[in-house]
Structures are given as C-alpha cells and as structure tokens.
C-alpha cells in the first residue's frame, strides 16, 4: 500500500484547474469577512448573489473552504445527477 503524502492538500481537485491564493482576509469577532473588490469583480459576484460554502475534511478537521455561486453548483449537480436520474427513470 502506498504511503499517504502528509503534505499534500486535501482539496486539490486536478480536473478543476489551477488553484492559487488570491488574497488573505480577516474574520471579525462576529464571524464576518469581506471579499475584496478585485475578487468580486473577477468572479462576477454582485450584491444579492448567493454563494454555497463547501468544505473538505481531512482527519476530522476542515482543511479547505470554497465558495461557489449557487447557480454554478446547481449546474454541477444537474450534470452529475442528470444522467443517473435518466437511467433510473428509463428502467
């Protein structure tokens, strides 16, 4: 059995493309953060947009947190479940 690489990130989805640190943000005492304007513009995030918070766990602890626009998440789910559901209903 291959030895697990302890330094490897738990959230390195190779098929999703490049991952990089865009900025460092601070969490205030109420648990709130601010997404920098440059990130919001680049991601086309506007006031009122809904974001899903997705986390990955490693050894029982959250090691990575991502934000995904709800519309994009819905597209991903449809893409994954659509063919499965079609197969189920055709049987």
N, C-alpha and C. Protein backbone atom coordinates (compact mmCIF):
# COMPACT_ATOMS: atom_id res chain seq x y z
N UNK A 1 0.84 -1.18 0.00
CA UNK A 1 0.00 0.00 0.00
C UNK A 1 0.88 1.24 0.00
N UNK A 2 0.55 2.21 -0.83
CA UNK A 2 1.35 3.43 -0.94
C UNK A 2 1.19 4.29 0.31
N UNK A 3 2.29 4.94 0.69
CA UNK A 3 2.27 5.82 1.85
C UNK A 3 1.58 7.13 1.48
N UNK A 4 0.71 7.60 2.36
CA UNK A 4 -0.03 8.84 2.15
C UNK A 4 0.90 10.03 2.32
N UNK A 5 0.84 10.96 1.38
CA UNK A 5 1.65 12.17 1.44
C UNK A 5 1.00 13.15 2.41
N UNK A 6 1.62 13.33 3.58
CA UNK A 6 1.05 14.19 4.63
C UNK A 6 1.02 15.66 4.23
N UNK A 7 1.90 16.09 3.31
CA UNK A 7 1.96 17.49 2.91
C UNK A 7 1.01 17.84 1.78
N UNK A 8 0.41 16.84 1.17
CA UNK A 8 -0.49 17.08 0.04
C UNK A 8 -1.81 17.67 0.54
N UNK A 9 -2.28 18.67 -0.17
CA UNK A 9 -3.54 19.31 0.20
C UNK A 9 -4.69 18.34 0.07
N UNK A 10 -5.65 18.46 0.96
CA UNK A 10 -6.83 17.60 0.90
C UNK A 10 -7.80 18.05 -0.17
N UNK A 11 -7.62 19.24 -0.70
CA UNK A 11 -8.58 19.79 -1.66
C UNK A 11 -7.87 20.23 -2.93
N UNK A 12 -7.27 19.27 -3.58
CA UNK A 12 -6.56 19.58 -4.82
C UNK A 12 -7.23 18.86 -5.98
N UNK A 13 -8.45 19.28 -6.36
CA UNK A 13 -9.14 18.62 -7.46
C UNK A 13 -8.45 18.92 -8.79
N UNK A 14 -7.76 17.93 -9.34
CA UNK A 14 -6.95 18.15 -10.53
C UNK A 14 -7.77 18.57 -11.74
N UNK A 15 -8.99 18.09 -11.86
CA UNK A 15 -9.78 18.42 -13.05
C UNK A 15 -10.41 19.80 -12.98
N UNK A 16 -10.30 20.51 -11.87
CA UNK A 16 -10.93 21.82 -11.74
C UNK A 16 -10.00 22.96 -12.14
N UNK A 17 -8.78 22.67 -12.50
CA UNK A 17 -7.89 23.72 -12.95
C UNK A 17 -6.97 24.22 -11.85
N UNK A 18 -6.39 25.37 -12.12
CA UNK A 18 -5.38 25.94 -11.23
C UNK A 18 -6.00 26.53 -9.97
N UNK A 19 -5.33 26.34 -8.87
CA UNK A 19 -5.76 26.90 -7.60
C UNK A 19 -4.66 27.81 -7.10
N UNK A 20 -5.02 29.03 -6.68
CA UNK A 20 -4.00 29.95 -6.19
C UNK A 20 -4.57 30.83 -5.09
N UNK A 21 -3.69 31.37 -4.28
CA UNK A 21 -4.09 32.29 -3.22
C UNK A 21 -4.33 33.65 -3.87
N UNK A 22 -5.55 34.13 -3.79
CA UNK A 22 -5.91 35.42 -4.38
C UNK A 22 -5.68 36.56 -3.39
N UNK A 23 -5.97 36.31 -2.13
CA UNK A 23 -5.79 37.33 -1.11
C UNK A 23 -5.90 36.67 0.26
N UNK A 24 -5.55 37.41 1.27
CA UNK A 24 -5.71 36.98 2.66
C UNK A 24 -6.74 37.90 3.28
N UNK A 25 -7.76 37.31 3.91
CA UNK A 25 -8.83 38.10 4.51
C UNK A 25 -8.88 37.82 6.01
N UNK A 26 -9.56 38.67 6.73
CA UNK A 26 -9.66 38.56 8.18
C UNK A 26 -11.10 38.26 8.57
N UNK A 27 -11.28 37.42 9.58
CA UNK A 27 -12.60 37.14 10.14
C UNK A 27 -12.76 38.03 11.37
N UNK A 28 -13.85 38.81 11.43
CA UNK A 28 -14.04 39.69 12.58
C UNK A 28 -14.68 38.92 13.74
N UNK A 29 -14.91 39.61 14.85
CA UNK A 29 -15.43 38.94 16.05
C UNK A 29 -16.86 38.44 15.88
N UNK A 30 -17.55 38.87 14.83
CA UNK A 30 -18.91 38.36 14.54
C UNK A 30 -18.86 37.23 13.51
N UNK A 31 -17.66 36.85 13.07
CA UNK A 31 -17.52 35.78 12.10
C UNK A 31 -17.68 36.23 10.66
N UNK A 32 -17.65 37.53 10.43
CA UNK A 32 -17.86 38.05 9.08
C UNK A 32 -16.53 38.32 8.39
N UNK A 33 -16.58 38.23 7.06
CA UNK A 33 -15.41 38.54 6.24
C UNK A 33 -15.85 39.45 5.10
N UNK A 34 -14.89 40.04 4.43
CA UNK A 34 -15.16 40.87 3.26
C UNK A 34 -14.37 40.27 2.10
N UNK A 35 -15.06 40.01 0.99
CA UNK A 35 -14.36 39.60 -0.22
C UNK A 35 -13.84 40.85 -0.90
N UNK A 36 -12.56 40.91 -1.18
CA UNK A 36 -12.01 42.10 -1.82
C UNK A 36 -12.69 42.40 -3.16
N UNK A 37 -12.79 43.67 -3.47
CA UNK A 37 -13.46 44.12 -4.69
C UNK A 37 -12.89 43.44 -5.93
N UNK A 38 -11.57 43.30 -6.01
CA UNK A 38 -10.94 42.68 -7.18
C UNK A 38 -11.42 41.24 -7.37
N UNK A 39 -11.59 40.50 -6.28
CA UNK A 39 -12.06 39.11 -6.35
C UNK A 39 -13.52 39.09 -6.79
N UNK A 40 -14.34 39.97 -6.18
CA UNK A 40 -15.76 40.02 -6.57
C UNK A 40 -15.91 40.34 -8.05
N UNK A 41 -15.13 41.29 -8.53
CA UNK A 41 -15.21 41.65 -9.95
C UNK A 41 -14.76 40.49 -10.84
N UNK A 42 -13.66 39.88 -10.49
CA UNK A 42 -13.12 38.77 -11.29
C UNK A 42 -14.09 37.59 -11.33
N UNK A 43 -14.75 37.32 -10.20
CA UNK A 43 -15.70 36.20 -10.10
C UNK A 43 -17.12 36.62 -10.49
N UNK A 44 -17.30 37.89 -10.84
CA UNK A 44 -18.62 38.43 -11.20
C UNK A 44 -19.65 38.20 -10.09
N UNK A 45 -19.21 38.43 -8.86
CA UNK A 45 -20.09 38.33 -7.69
C UNK A 45 -20.66 39.72 -7.43
N UNK A 46 -21.99 39.78 -7.38
CA UNK A 46 -22.66 41.06 -7.17
C UNK A 46 -23.51 41.00 -5.90
N UNK A 47 -23.90 42.15 -5.44
CA UNK A 47 -24.76 42.24 -4.26
C UNK A 47 -26.01 41.39 -4.47
N UNK A 48 -26.35 40.59 -3.49
CA UNK A 48 -27.53 39.73 -3.57
C UNK A 48 -27.26 38.33 -4.11
N UNK A 49 -26.07 38.12 -4.71
CA UNK A 49 -25.73 36.77 -5.20
C UNK A 49 -25.66 35.81 -4.02
N UNK A 50 -26.04 34.57 -4.27
CA UNK A 50 -25.97 33.54 -3.24
C UNK A 50 -24.76 32.67 -3.51
N UNK A 51 -23.99 32.39 -2.45
CA UNK A 51 -22.80 31.55 -2.54
C UNK A 51 -22.97 30.35 -1.63
N UNK A 52 -22.60 29.18 -2.11
CA UNK A 52 -22.60 27.97 -1.29
C UNK A 52 -21.21 27.84 -0.66
N UNK A 53 -21.18 27.51 0.61
CA UNK A 53 -19.92 27.28 1.31
C UNK A 53 -19.67 25.78 1.29
N UNK A 54 -18.56 25.38 0.68
CA UNK A 54 -18.21 23.97 0.55
C UNK A 54 -16.93 23.73 1.33
N UNK A 55 -16.92 22.69 2.16
CA UNK A 55 -15.71 22.40 2.93
C UNK A 55 -15.23 20.98 2.67
N UNK A 56 -13.94 20.80 2.81
CA UNK A 56 -13.32 19.47 2.72
C UNK A 56 -12.73 19.18 4.08
N UNK A 57 -12.83 17.91 4.48
CA UNK A 57 -12.26 17.50 5.75
C UNK A 57 -11.11 16.54 5.54
N UNK A 58 -10.17 16.62 6.44
CA UNK A 58 -9.04 15.69 6.47
C UNK A 58 -8.78 15.37 7.93
N UNK A 59 -8.79 14.11 8.23
CA UNK A 59 -8.56 13.66 9.62
C UNK A 59 -9.53 14.32 10.60
N UNK A 60 -10.78 14.48 10.17
CA UNK A 60 -11.82 15.00 11.05
C UNK A 60 -11.84 16.51 11.22
N UNK A 61 -10.96 17.23 10.53
CA UNK A 61 -10.93 18.68 10.63
C UNK A 61 -11.13 19.31 9.26
N UNK A 62 -11.82 20.45 9.23
CA UNK A 62 -11.98 21.17 7.97
C UNK A 62 -10.62 21.74 7.59
N UNK A 63 -10.18 21.42 6.38
CA UNK A 63 -8.86 21.90 5.94
C UNK A 63 -8.96 22.86 4.76
N UNK A 64 -10.14 22.94 4.14
CA UNK A 64 -10.28 23.80 2.97
C UNK A 64 -11.74 24.26 2.87
N UNK A 65 -11.94 25.53 2.58
CA UNK A 65 -13.28 26.09 2.42
C UNK A 65 -13.31 26.80 1.07
N UNK A 66 -14.35 26.54 0.30
CA UNK A 66 -14.52 27.19 -1.01
C UNK A 66 -15.90 27.82 -1.08
N UNK A 67 -16.01 28.84 -1.91
CA UNK A 67 -17.29 29.47 -2.19
C UNK A 67 -17.63 29.20 -3.65
N UNK A 68 -18.87 28.78 -3.90
CA UNK A 68 -19.32 28.51 -5.26
C UNK A 68 -20.66 29.23 -5.45
N UNK A 69 -20.79 29.93 -6.56
CA UNK A 69 -22.08 30.55 -6.86
C UNK A 69 -23.14 29.45 -6.92
N UNK A 70 -24.28 29.70 -6.32
CA UNK A 70 -25.34 28.69 -6.25
C UNK A 70 -25.75 28.21 -7.64
N UNK A 71 -25.80 29.12 -8.62
CA UNK A 71 -26.17 28.70 -9.98
C UNK A 71 -25.18 27.69 -10.54
N UNK A 72 -23.90 27.93 -10.30
CA UNK A 72 -22.86 27.01 -10.80
C UNK A 72 -22.94 25.67 -10.08
N UNK A 73 -23.24 25.70 -8.78
CA UNK A 73 -23.39 24.46 -8.03
C UNK A 73 -24.57 23.66 -8.57
N UNK A 74 -25.66 24.35 -8.87
CA UNK A 74 -26.83 23.67 -9.43
C UNK A 74 -26.49 23.02 -10.76
N UNK A 75 -25.70 23.72 -11.60
CA UNK A 75 -25.27 23.15 -12.88
C UNK A 75 -24.43 21.90 -12.67
N UNK A 76 -23.51 21.94 -11.68
CA UNK A 76 -22.66 20.79 -11.39
C UNK A 76 -23.51 19.59 -10.95
N UNK A 77 -24.46 19.85 -10.07
CA UNK A 77 -25.32 18.77 -9.56
C UNK A 77 -26.15 18.18 -10.69
N UNK A 78 -26.74 19.03 -11.52
CA UNK A 78 -27.53 18.54 -12.66
C UNK A 78 -26.66 17.71 -13.59
N UNK A 79 -25.44 18.17 -13.83
CA UNK A 79 -24.52 17.45 -14.71
C UNK A 79 -24.16 16.07 -14.18
N UNK A 80 -24.03 15.97 -12.85
CA UNK A 80 -23.68 14.68 -12.24
C UNK A 80 -24.90 13.78 -12.07
N UNK A 81 -26.00 14.36 -11.59
CA UNK A 81 -27.18 13.54 -11.28
C UNK A 81 -28.10 13.33 -12.47
N UNK A 82 -28.07 14.25 -13.43
CA UNK A 82 -28.95 14.13 -14.59
C UNK A 82 -28.87 12.78 -15.27
N UNK A 83 -27.67 12.33 -15.68
CA UNK A 83 -27.57 11.02 -16.33
C UNK A 83 -28.00 9.86 -15.43
N UNK A 84 -27.71 9.96 -14.15
CA UNK A 84 -28.10 8.90 -13.21
C UNK A 84 -29.61 8.83 -13.10
N UNK A 85 -30.24 9.99 -12.93
CA UNK A 85 -31.70 10.03 -12.81
C UNK A 85 -32.37 9.55 -14.10
N UNK A 86 -31.80 9.91 -15.24
CA UNK A 86 -32.35 9.48 -16.52
C UNK A 86 -32.33 7.95 -16.60
N UNK A 87 -31.22 7.34 -16.21
CA UNK A 87 -31.10 5.89 -16.21
C UNK A 87 -32.13 5.24 -15.28
N UNK A 88 -32.35 5.84 -14.12
CA UNK A 88 -33.30 5.29 -13.16
C UNK A 88 -34.72 5.32 -13.71
N UNK A 89 -35.11 6.45 -14.31
CA UNK A 89 -36.46 6.59 -14.82
C UNK A 89 -36.71 5.80 -16.10
N UNK A 90 -35.67 5.48 -16.83
CA UNK A 90 -35.84 4.69 -18.05
C UNK A 90 -35.98 3.21 -17.77
N UNK A 91 -35.63 2.77 -16.57
CA UNK A 91 -35.71 1.33 -16.22
C UNK A 91 -37.08 0.94 -15.77
